[in-house]
Amino acid sequence: MTDANRSDAMSRLDTFLGNRICLIRQSKGRSTYELAEALGTEPVDLRRIERGEIRISAELVAKIADVLEVTIAKLFAQSDVVSDTQLLLEDIPQPIAILVEELRKTEAG
């Protein structure tokens, strides 16, 4: 994979994850301000995360999942129809699947 392809893939991942965070936040009835406050960040930064403009760390992904009371895997799921127990890593692009698996190990350990 070239650097340009990798950068493009990461940008798509940032946008995908940001959209999922926004969708889940809204489905939980949480405002941008409420979630930002719970995360210890500014609402403007959370809006940038939700638009995919800021790449976030695995630690922040875990914190967001905790605050929204969902699993990390749910943040990366491509469909809300799939329950956490039904989530198959084969349904997730490979780089995301590797990250999810590592984070699951961290949650379990």
Foldseek 3Di string as FASTA:
>chain_A
DDPVVVVVVLLVVQQLLLCLLVVLCVVLVHDLCRLCVQLVHHSVVSVCSNRSNDDDDLVSLCSSCVVSVHQSVSSQDPDPVAHPVRDDLVRGPPVVSVSSVVVVVVVVD
